[in-house]
C-alpha atoms as a PDB file:
ATOM      1  CA  MET A   1      23.647 -74.449  84.417  1.00  0.00           C
ATOM      2  CA  GLY A   2      20.806 -75.880  87.011  1.00  0.00           C
ATOM      3  CA  LYS A   3      23.261 -77.657  88.221  1.00  0.00           C
ATOM      4  CA  SER A   4      26.301 -74.837  88.267  1.00  0.00           C
ATOM      5  CA  LYS A   5      23.810 -73.018  90.644  1.00  0.00           C
ATOM      6  CA  ARG A   6      23.354 -76.157  92.664  1.00  0.00           C
ATOM      7  CA  ARG A   7      27.095 -76.946  93.350  1.00  0.00           C
ATOM      8  CA  LYS A   8      27.727 -73.402  94.160  1.00  0.00           C
ATOM      9  CA  ARG A   9      24.591 -73.040  96.896  1.00  0.00           C
ATOM     10  CA  ASN A  10      25.955 -76.534  98.149  1.00  0.00           C
ATOM     11  CA  HIS A  11      29.628 -75.075  98.187  1.00  0.00           C
ATOM     12  CA  SER A  12      28.302 -71.861 100.140  1.00  0.00           C
ATOM     13  CA  SER A  13      26.311 -74.230 102.570  1.00  0.00           C
ATOM     14  CA  SER A  14      28.579 -76.018 103.205  1.00  0.00           C
ATOM     15  CA  LEU A  15      31.824 -73.333 104.105  1.00  0.00           C
ATOM     16  CA  SER A  16      28.767 -71.447 106.086  1.00  0.00           C
ATOM     17  CA  ASN A  17      28.244 -74.703 108.025  1.00  0.00           C
ATOM     18  CA  SER A  18      31.844 -74.947 108.573  1.00  0.00           C
ATOM     19  CA  HIS A  19      32.381 -71.449 109.678  1.00  0.00           C
ATOM     20  CA  ALA A  20      29.376 -72.188 112.151  1.00  0.00           C
ATOM     21  CA  SER A  21      31.456 -75.424 113.318  1.00  0.00           C
ATOM     22  CA  SER A  22      34.702 -73.636 113.147  1.00  0.00           C
ATOM     23  CA  SER A  23      33.189 -70.347 115.950  1.00  0.00           C
ATOM     24  CA  ASP A  24      31.555 -73.129 117.905  1.00  0.00           C
ATOM     25  CA  GLU A  25      34.823 -74.956 118.649  1.00  0.00           C
ATOM     26  CA  ASN A  26      36.214 -71.604 119.496  1.00  0.00           C
ATOM     27  CA  HIS A  27      33.985 -70.565 122.301  1.00  0.00           C
ATOM     28  CA  GLU A  28      33.480 -74.248 123.701  1.00  0.00           C
ATOM     29  CA  VAL A  29      35.261 -74.740 126.520  1.00  0.00           C
ATOM     30  CA  PRO A  30      37.796 -78.276 126.557  1.00  0.00           C
ATOM     31  CA  PRO A  31      36.431 -80.820 129.086  1.00  0.00           C
ATOM     32  CA  ASN A  32      39.136 -80.704 130.685  1.00  0.00           C
ATOM     33  CA  GLN A  33      39.478 -77.192 131.515  1.00  0.00           C
ATOM     34  CA  PHE A  34      37.061 -76.933 134.352  1.00  0.00           C
ATOM     35  CA  GLU A  35      38.936 -80.194 136.115  1.00  0.00           C
ATOM     36  CA  GLU A  36      42.240 -78.189 135.971  1.00  0.00           C
ATOM     37  CA  TRP A  37      40.217 -75.263 137.460  1.00  0.00           C
ATOM     38  CA  GLY A  38      39.038 -77.851 140.354  1.00  0.00           C
ATOM     39  CA  LYS A  39      42.692 -79.187 140.475  1.00  0.00           C
ATOM     40  CA  SER A  40      43.634 -75.685 141.317  1.00  0.00           C
ATOM     41  CA  LEU A  41      41.098 -74.963 144.126  1.00  0.00           C
ATOM     42  CA  LEU A  42      41.462 -77.407 146.032  1.00  0.00           C
ATOM     43  CA  VAL A  43      45.357 -77.111 145.930  1.00  0.00           C
ATOM     44  CA  ALA A  44      44.867 -73.552 147.394  1.00  0.00           C
ATOM     45  CA  VAL A  45      42.263 -74.808 149.626  1.00  0.00           C
ATOM     46  CA  VAL A  46      44.778 -77.545 150.803  1.00  0.00           C
ATOM     47  CA  ALA A  47      47.546 -75.083 151.339  1.00  0.00           C
ATOM     48  CA  PHE A  48      45.292 -72.879 153.117  1.00  0.00           C
ATOM     49  CA  PHE A  49      44.269 -75.122 155.894  1.00  0.00           C
ATOM     50  CA  PHE A  50      48.129 -76.309 155.910  1.00  0.00           C
ATOM     51  CA  LEU A  51      49.827 -72.814 156.636  1.00  0.00           C
ATOM     52  CA  ARG A  52      46.627 -72.301 159.218  1.00  0.00           C
ATOM     53  CA  ILE A  53      46.974 -75.404 160.884  1.00  0.00           C
ATOM     54  CA  PHE A  54      50.828 -76.109 161.140  1.00  0.00           C
ATOM     55  CA  ILE A  55      52.183 -72.921 159.651  1.00  0.00           C
ATOM     56  CA  LEU A  56      51.225 -69.415 160.863  1.00  0.00           C
ATOM     57  CA  GLN A  57      47.787 -68.404 162.331  1.00  0.00           C
ATOM     58  CA  THR A  58      46.588 -64.665 163.055  1.00  0.00           C
ATOM     59  CA  PHE A  59      45.125 -63.274 165.951  1.00  0.00           C
ATOM     60  CA  VAL A  60      43.441 -60.249 167.322  1.00  0.00           C
ATOM     61  CA  ILE A  61      44.408 -58.688 170.718  1.00  0.00           C
ATOM     62  CA  ILE A  62      40.974 -57.879 172.558  1.00  0.00           C
ATOM     63  CA  SER A  63      42.230 -56.779 175.732  1.00  0.00           C
ATOM     64  CA  GLY A  64      44.899 -55.023 177.195  1.00  0.00           C
ATOM     65  CA  SER A  65      46.982 -57.257 179.298  1.00  0.00           C
ATOM     66  CA  MET A  66      49.950 -56.782 177.120  1.00  0.00           C
ATOM     67  CA  GLU A  67      50.134 -52.787 176.797  1.00  0.00           C
ATOM     68  CA  GLY A  68      52.134 -51.401 175.489  1.00  0.00           C
ATOM     69  CA  THR A  69      53.702 -54.634 173.848  1.00  0.00           C
ATOM     70  CA  LEU A  70      50.581 -55.093 172.307  1.00  0.00           C
ATOM     71  CA  LEU A  71      47.546 -53.277 172.097  1.00  0.00           C
ATOM     72  CA  VAL A  72      43.620 -53.580 171.627  1.00  0.00           C
ATOM     73  CA  GLY A  73      43.016 -53.641 167.874  1.00  0.00           C
ATOM     74  CA  ASP A  74      46.360 -55.243 166.898  1.00  0.00           C
ATOM     75  CA  PHE A  75      46.336 -58.276 164.214  1.00  0.00           C
ATOM     76  CA  LEU A  76      49.522 -60.043 164.583  1.00  0.00           C
ATOM     77  CA  LEU A  77      50.827 -63.202 162.708  1.00  0.00           C
ATOM     78  CA  ALA A  78      51.862 -66.151 165.295  1.00  0.00           C
ATOM     79  CA  ASN A  79      54.175 -69.011 164.091  1.00  0.00           C
ATOM     80  CA  ARG A  80      53.275 -72.405 164.876  1.00  0.00           C
ATOM     81  CA  ALA A  81      55.722 -74.391 163.037  1.00  0.00           C
ATOM     82  CA  ALA A  82      58.532 -72.340 165.703  1.00  0.00           C
ATOM     83  CA  VAL A  83      57.003 -74.001 168.412  1.00  0.00           C
ATOM     84  CA  GLY A  84      55.530 -77.006 167.226  1.00  0.00           C
ATOM     85  CA  VAL A  85      51.984 -78.077 166.835  1.00  0.00           C
ATOM     86  CA  ARG A  86      49.289 -80.904 167.498  1.00  0.00           C
ATOM     87  CA  ILE A  87      47.184 -82.684 164.733  1.00  0.00           C
ATOM     88  CA  PRO A  88      43.595 -81.996 164.751  1.00  0.00           C
ATOM     89  CA  GLY A  89      41.745 -84.662 166.111  1.00  0.00           C
ATOM     90  CA  THR A  90      44.850 -86.982 167.317  1.00  0.00           C
ATOM     91  CA  GLU A  91      47.366 -86.795 170.303  1.00  0.00           C
ATOM     92  CA  ILE A  92      50.179 -86.342 167.605  1.00  0.00           C
ATOM     93  CA  ARG A  93      52.478 -83.216 168.364  1.00  0.00           C
ATOM     94  CA  ILE A  94      54.982 -82.111 165.652  1.00  0.00           C
ATOM     95  CA  PRO A  95      57.872 -81.033 167.270  1.00  0.00           C
ATOM     96  CA  GLY A  96      59.170 -76.845 166.641  1.00  0.00           C
ATOM     97  CA  TYR A  97      62.089 -76.237 164.993  1.00  0.00           C
ATOM     98  CA  SER A  98      62.921 -74.425 167.499  1.00  0.00           C
ATOM     99  CA  SER A  99      63.000 -74.239 171.758  1.00  0.00           C
ATOM    100  CA  ILE A 100      60.820 -71.760 173.385  1.00  0.00           C
ATOM    101  CA  SER A 101      62.499 -69.583 175.668  1.00  0.00           C
ATOM    102  CA  ARG A 102      61.755 -66.751 179.022  1.00  0.00           C
ATOM    103  CA  GLY A 103      60.984 -63.573 177.000  1.00  0.00           C
ATOM    104  CA  ASP A 104      58.990 -65.157 174.082  1.00  0.00           C
ATOM    105  CA  VAL A 105      55.214 -63.620 173.797  1.00  0.00           C
ATOM    106  CA  LEU A 106      53.638 -66.538 173.057  1.00  0.00           C
ATOM    107  CA  VAL A 107      49.634 -67.717 171.792  1.00  0.00           C
ATOM    108  CA  PHE A 108      48.799 -70.966 173.810  1.00  0.00           C
ATOM    109  CA  ASP A 109      45.153 -72.266 175.281  1.00  0.00           C
ATOM    110  CA  PRO A 110      44.791 -70.974 178.538  1.00  0.00           C
ATOM    111  CA  THR A 111      43.867 -73.615 181.773  1.00  0.00           C
ATOM    112  CA  HIS A 112      41.272 -71.945 182.895  1.00  0.00           C
ATOM    113  CA  GLU A 113      39.483 -70.734 179.686  1.00  0.00           C
ATOM    114  CA  PRO A 114      39.250 -74.196 177.278  1.00  0.00           C
ATOM    115  CA  ASP A 115      37.943 -72.024 174.202  1.00  0.00           C
ATOM    116  CA  MET A 116      39.764 -69.068 174.913  1.00  0.00           C
ATOM    117  CA  LYS A 117      43.364 -68.161 173.526  1.00  0.00           C
ATOM    118  CA  LEU A 118      45.417 -65.703 174.861  1.00  0.00           C
ATOM    119  CA  VAL A 119      49.121 -64.026 174.202  1.00  0.00           C
ATOM    120  CA  LYS A 120      51.483 -63.404 177.428  1.00  0.00           C
ATOM    121  CA  ARG A 121      54.975 -63.136 178.175  1.00  0.00           C
ATOM    122  CA  LEU A 122      57.209 -66.695 179.097  1.00  0.00           C
ATOM    123  CA  ILE A 123      58.770 -65.672 182.766  1.00  0.00           C
ATOM    124  CA  GLY A 124      59.172 -69.003 184.405  1.00  0.00           C
ATOM    125  CA  MET A 125      60.897 -72.183 182.929  1.00  0.00           C
ATOM    126  CA  PRO A 126      60.745 -75.500 184.455  1.00  0.00           C
ATOM    127  CA  GLY A 127      63.529 -75.752 187.437  1.00  0.00           C
ATOM    128  CA  ASP A 128      63.117 -71.904 187.835  1.00  0.00           C
ATOM    129  CA  THR A 129      62.371 -70.163 191.606  1.00  0.00           C
ATOM    130  CA  ILE A 130      60.789 -66.877 190.923  1.00  0.00           C
ATOM    131  CA  SER A 131      59.030 -64.231 192.888  1.00  0.00           C
ATOM    132  CA  MET A 132      57.785 -61.012 193.347  1.00  0.00           C
ATOM    133  CA  ARG A 133      58.162 -58.223 195.858  1.00  0.00           C
ATOM    134  CA  GLU A 134      56.834 -54.431 195.355  1.00  0.00           C
ATOM    135  CA  SER A 135      55.999 -55.688 191.877  1.00  0.00           C
ATOM    136  CA  VAL A 136      59.893 -56.495 191.060  1.00  0.00           C
ATOM    137  CA  LEU A 137      60.049 -60.028 189.743  1.00  0.00           C
ATOM    138  CA  THR A 138      63.120 -62.402 191.248  1.00  0.00           C
ATOM    139  CA  ILE A 139      64.112 -65.161 189.122  1.00  0.00           C
ATOM    140  CA  ASN A 140      66.872 -67.330 190.089  1.00  0.00           C
ATOM    141  CA  GLY A 141      67.493 -64.873 193.112  1.00  0.00           C
ATOM    142  CA  GLU A 142      68.262 -62.232 190.893  1.00  0.00           C
ATOM    143  CA  LEU A 143      65.853 -59.045 190.687  1.00  0.00           C
ATOM    144  CA  GLN A 144      64.756 -58.456 186.373  1.00  0.00           C
ATOM    145  CA  ILE A 145      65.058 -55.346 184.811  1.00  0.00           C
ATOM    146  CA  GLU A 146      62.070 -55.721 182.426  1.00  0.00           C
ATOM    147  CA  GLU A 147      61.668 -52.562 180.159  1.00  0.00           C
ATOM    148  CA  TYR A 148      58.797 -53.594 178.580  1.00  0.00           C
ATOM    149  CA  VAL A 149      56.627 -53.838 182.031  1.00  0.00           C
ATOM    150  CA  LYS A 150      54.517 -51.265 182.392  1.00  0.00           C
ATOM    151  CA  HIS A 151      52.753 -50.746 186.102  1.00  0.00           C
ATOM    152  CA  VAL A 152      49.286 -48.563 185.639  1.00  0.00           C
ATOM    153  CA  ASP A 153      47.723 -48.880 189.542  1.00  0.00           C
ATOM    154  CA  PRO A 154      50.758 -49.753 192.008  1.00  0.00           C
ATOM    155  CA  ASP A 155      47.698 -48.525 195.229  1.00  0.00           C
ATOM    156  CA  SER A 156      45.352 -51.561 194.508  1.00  0.00           C
ATOM    157  CA  ASP A 157      47.224 -54.363 195.396  1.00  0.00           C
ATOM    158  CA  HIS A 158      45.286 -57.457 195.980  1.00  0.00           C
ATOM    159  CA  THR A 159      44.554 -60.775 196.746  1.00  0.00           C
ATOM    160  CA  HIS A 160      42.233 -63.356 194.870  1.00  0.00           C
ATOM    161  CA  PRO A 161      41.204 -66.775 195.653  1.00  0.00           C
ATOM    162  CA  MET A 162      42.578 -68.161 192.273  1.00  0.00           C
ATOM    163  CA  MET A 163      46.042 -67.652 193.857  1.00  0.00           C
ATOM    164  CA  SER A 164      45.500 -70.496 196.481  1.00  0.00           C
ATOM    165  CA  TRP A 165      47.295 -72.751 193.765  1.00  0.00           C
ATOM    166  CA  GLN A 166      50.728 -71.207 194.620  1.00  0.00           C
ATOM    167  CA  LEU A 167      50.922 -73.270 198.307  1.00  0.00           C
ATOM    168  CA  GLU A 168      51.899 -76.430 196.410  1.00  0.00           C
ATOM    169  CA  HIS A 169      54.614 -74.565 195.192  1.00  0.00           C
ATOM    170  CA  LEU A 170      56.035 -72.710 197.846  1.00  0.00           C
ATOM    171  CA  ILE A 171      59.858 -73.203 198.776  1.00  0.00           C
ATOM    172  CA  ASP A 172      60.525 -75.551 202.378  1.00  0.00           C
ATOM    173  CA  SER A 173      61.361 -72.170 203.690  1.00  0.00           C
ATOM    174  CA  VAL A 174      58.083 -70.293 203.268  1.00  0.00           C
ATOM    175  CA  GLU A 175      55.343 -71.210 205.918  1.00  0.00           C
ATOM    176  CA  LYS A 176      52.156 -72.011 203.963  1.00  0.00           C
ATOM    177  CA  VAL A 177      49.662 -71.500 207.009  1.00  0.00           C
ATOM    178  CA  SER A 178      50.252 -67.489 206.454  1.00  0.00           C
ATOM    179  CA  TYR A 179      51.499 -67.478 202.990  1.00  0.00           C
ATOM    180  CA  ARG A 180      48.938 -64.483 201.725  1.00  0.00           C
ATOM    181  CA  PRO A 181      50.152 -63.688 198.063  1.00  0.00           C
ATOM    182  CA  THR A 182      48.915 -60.923 196.078  1.00  0.00           C
ATOM    183  CA  ARG A 183      49.395 -59.622 192.666  1.00  0.00           C
ATOM    184  CA  ASP A 184      52.166 -57.440 193.475  1.00  0.00           C
ATOM    185  CA  ASN A 185      53.879 -60.461 196.367  1.00  0.00           C
ATOM    186  CA  TRP A 186      54.209 -63.871 195.941  1.00  0.00           C
ATOM    187  CA  GLY A 187      56.480 -66.523 196.267  1.00  0.00           C
ATOM    188  CA  PRO A 188      59.259 -67.906 195.780  1.00  0.00           C
ATOM    189  CA  LEU A 189      57.677 -70.381 193.769  1.00  0.00           C
ATOM    190  CA  VAL A 190      59.738 -73.575 192.400  1.00  0.00           C
ATOM    191  CA  ILE A 191      57.975 -74.343 188.854  1.00  0.00           C
ATOM    192  CA  PRO A 192      58.014 -78.221 188.250  1.00  0.00           C
ATOM    193  CA  SER A 193      59.506 -80.349 185.438  1.00  0.00           C
ATOM    194  CA  GLY A 194      57.307 -79.426 181.854  1.00  0.00           C
ATOM    195  CA  ARG A 195      55.564 -76.798 183.762  1.00  0.00           C
ATOM    196  CA  TYR A 196      55.964 -73.124 182.565  1.00  0.00           C
ATOM    197  CA  PHE A 197      54.623 -69.467 184.766  1.00  0.00           C
ATOM    198  CA  MET A 198      53.451 -66.939 182.072  1.00  0.00           C
ATOM    199  CA  LEU A 199      52.884 -63.013 182.631  1.00  0.00           C
ATOM    200  CA  GLY A 200      51.069 -59.842 180.928  1.00  0.00           C
ATOM    201  CA  ASP A 201      53.688 -56.961 180.758  1.00  0.00           C
ATOM    202  CA  ASN A 202      50.923 -54.765 181.991  1.00  0.00           C
ATOM    203  CA  ARG A 203      51.188 -56.082 185.094  1.00  0.00           C
ATOM    204  CA  HIS A 204      48.554 -54.418 187.065  1.00  0.00           C
ATOM    205  CA  SER A 205      46.055 -55.358 184.652  1.00  0.00           C
ATOM    206  CA  SER A 206      46.360 -58.774 183.215  1.00  0.00           C
ATOM    207  CA  LEU A 207      44.775 -62.552 184.325  1.00  0.00           C
ATOM    208  CA  ASP A 208      47.894 -64.526 184.109  1.00  0.00           C
ATOM    209  CA  SER A 209      49.876 -67.386 185.768  1.00  0.00           C
ATOM    210  CA  ARG A 210      49.969 -65.477 189.059  1.00  0.00           C
ATOM    211  CA  TYR A 211      45.729 -66.322 189.289  1.00  0.00           C
ATOM    212  CA  TRP A 212      45.140 -69.532 186.846  1.00  0.00           C
ATOM    213  CA  GLY A 213      48.716 -71.557 187.553  1.00  0.00           C
ATOM    214  CA  LEU A 214      50.919 -73.045 185.461  1.00  0.00           C
ATOM    215  CA  LEU A 215      50.839 -74.003 181.940  1.00  0.00           C
ATOM    216  CA  GLU A 216      52.238 -77.655 180.121  1.00  0.00           C
ATOM    217  CA  ARG A 217      54.081 -77.175 177.262  1.00  0.00           C
ATOM    218  CA  TRP A 218      51.356 -78.858 174.651  1.00  0.00           C
ATOM    219  CA  ARG A 219      49.170 -75.740 175.453  1.00  0.00           C
ATOM    220  CA  PHE A 220      51.554 -73.412 173.200  1.00  0.00           C
ATOM    221  CA  GLU A 221      49.982 -72.214 170.051  1.00  0.00           C
ATOM    222  CA  GLY A 222      52.782 -70.397 168.292  1.00  0.00           C
ATOM    223  CA  ARG A 223      54.954 -67.560 168.756  1.00  0.00           C
ATOM    224  CA  ALA A 224      53.455 -64.068 168.244  1.00  0.00           C
ATOM    225  CA  THR A 225      55.987 -62.585 165.732  1.00  0.00           C
ATOM    226  CA  PHE A 226      54.335 -59.842 163.359  1.00  0.00           C
ATOM    227  CA  LEU A 227      51.784 -57.208 163.590  1.00  0.00           C
ATOM    228  CA  TYR A 228      50.834 -57.061 160.084  1.00  0.00           C
ATOM    229  CA  PHE A 229      47.633 -54.134 160.823  1.00  0.00           C
ATOM    230  CA  SER A 230      46.694 -52.067 163.900  1.00  0.00           C
ATOM    231  CA  TYR A 231      43.951 -49.994 164.925  1.00  0.00           C
ATOM    232  CA  ASN A 232      42.037 -48.190 167.508  1.00  0.00           C
ATOM    233  CA  ARG A 233      39.637 -50.613 168.146  1.00  0.00           C
ATOM    234  CA  GLU A 234      38.561 -48.416 171.666  1.00  0.00           C
ATOM    235  CA  SER A 235      37.763 -45.493 169.040  1.00  0.00           C
ATOM    236  CA  PHE A 236      34.152 -44.108 169.143  1.00  0.00           C
ATOM    237  CA  ARG A 237      34.426 -42.729 165.645  1.00  0.00           C
ATOM    238  CA  PRO A 238      32.722 -44.329 163.163  1.00  0.00           C
ATOM    239  CA  PHE A 239      34.964 -47.057 160.871  1.00  0.00           C
ATOM    240  CA  PRO A 240      37.964 -47.119 163.421  1.00  0.00           C
ATOM    241  CA  TRP A 241      39.454 -49.609 160.934  1.00  0.00           C
ATOM    242  CA  LEU A 242      40.040 -47.312 158.157  1.00  0.00           C
ATOM    243  CA  ARG A 243      40.269 -43.695 159.984  1.00  0.00           C
ATOM    244  CA  GLU A 244      42.447 -44.956 163.199  1.00  0.00           C
ATOM    245  CA  VAL A 245      44.683 -46.943 161.470  1.00  0.00           C
ATOM    246  CA  ARG A 246      48.230 -47.199 163.554  1.00  0.00           C
ATOM    247  CA  TRP A 247      50.485 -47.511 160.884  1.00  0.00           C
ATOM    248  CA  ASP A 248      53.531 -46.944 162.721  1.00  0.00           C
ATOM    249  CA  ARG A 249      52.687 -50.039 164.340  1.00  0.00           C
ATOM    250  CA  ALA A 250      51.800 -52.227 160.832  1.00  0.00           C
ATOM    251  CA  PHE A 251      54.383 -54.464 159.512  1.00  0.00           C
ATOM    252  CA  SER A 252      56.417 -54.340 163.104  1.00  0.00           C
ATOM    253  CA  LEU A 253      58.012 -56.586 164.806  1.00  0.00           C
ATOM    254  CA  VAL A 254      57.321 -58.618 168.266  1.00  0.00           C
ATOM    255  CA  GLU A 255      59.324 -57.881 170.863  1.00  0.00           C
END
């Protein structure tokens, strides 16, 4: 009888230990699962930076120079792969899958502010002759009908010292000594090879190529393509990003 009871106790203890061991195994995380999580996180981070550097980048509009195409408070996606990107830390540039053309709305590094990104419309291509008279643009002798252009202050035409760069690109028939360019009257200018001329759609409130000059091709960061959010950033109401959302502009194309 004593031996039988001891066997039962040993058997019960064995079952109990076996059950406890099984329970621990069920709750124990396999060692390689942490490794899998780490790999997944690494892939996600690499994919994020790859998309941001080589494919898409987000920008927020903080000035009115492109009204009414782009408004202050618009959040846009720029397609970097379309125009080509430079590999960070190198001079190597990966070509884009499409060519830039007149009328494109582009994000770029301006010549006068190295740490800033601007958005303007491409107007002058290499080889073009461009001019403006009374706010009307002429390209290669043809007056341009620009339905996207906004004029808000036609009576305050002015000159600026920054516009002196234009002297180097005037056509030969214009006397440089008497040339006095203004915001709404300038040129004709000949755009040299490898250079581009940018203008804001809000012509009377845009600091653009009329002032700071021409752009090199490598300065283009991406083509503005899509608005994914917009709100009235200039509103004085609390939480404008919740209460002043422009739903009619969200998820719309930039044209």
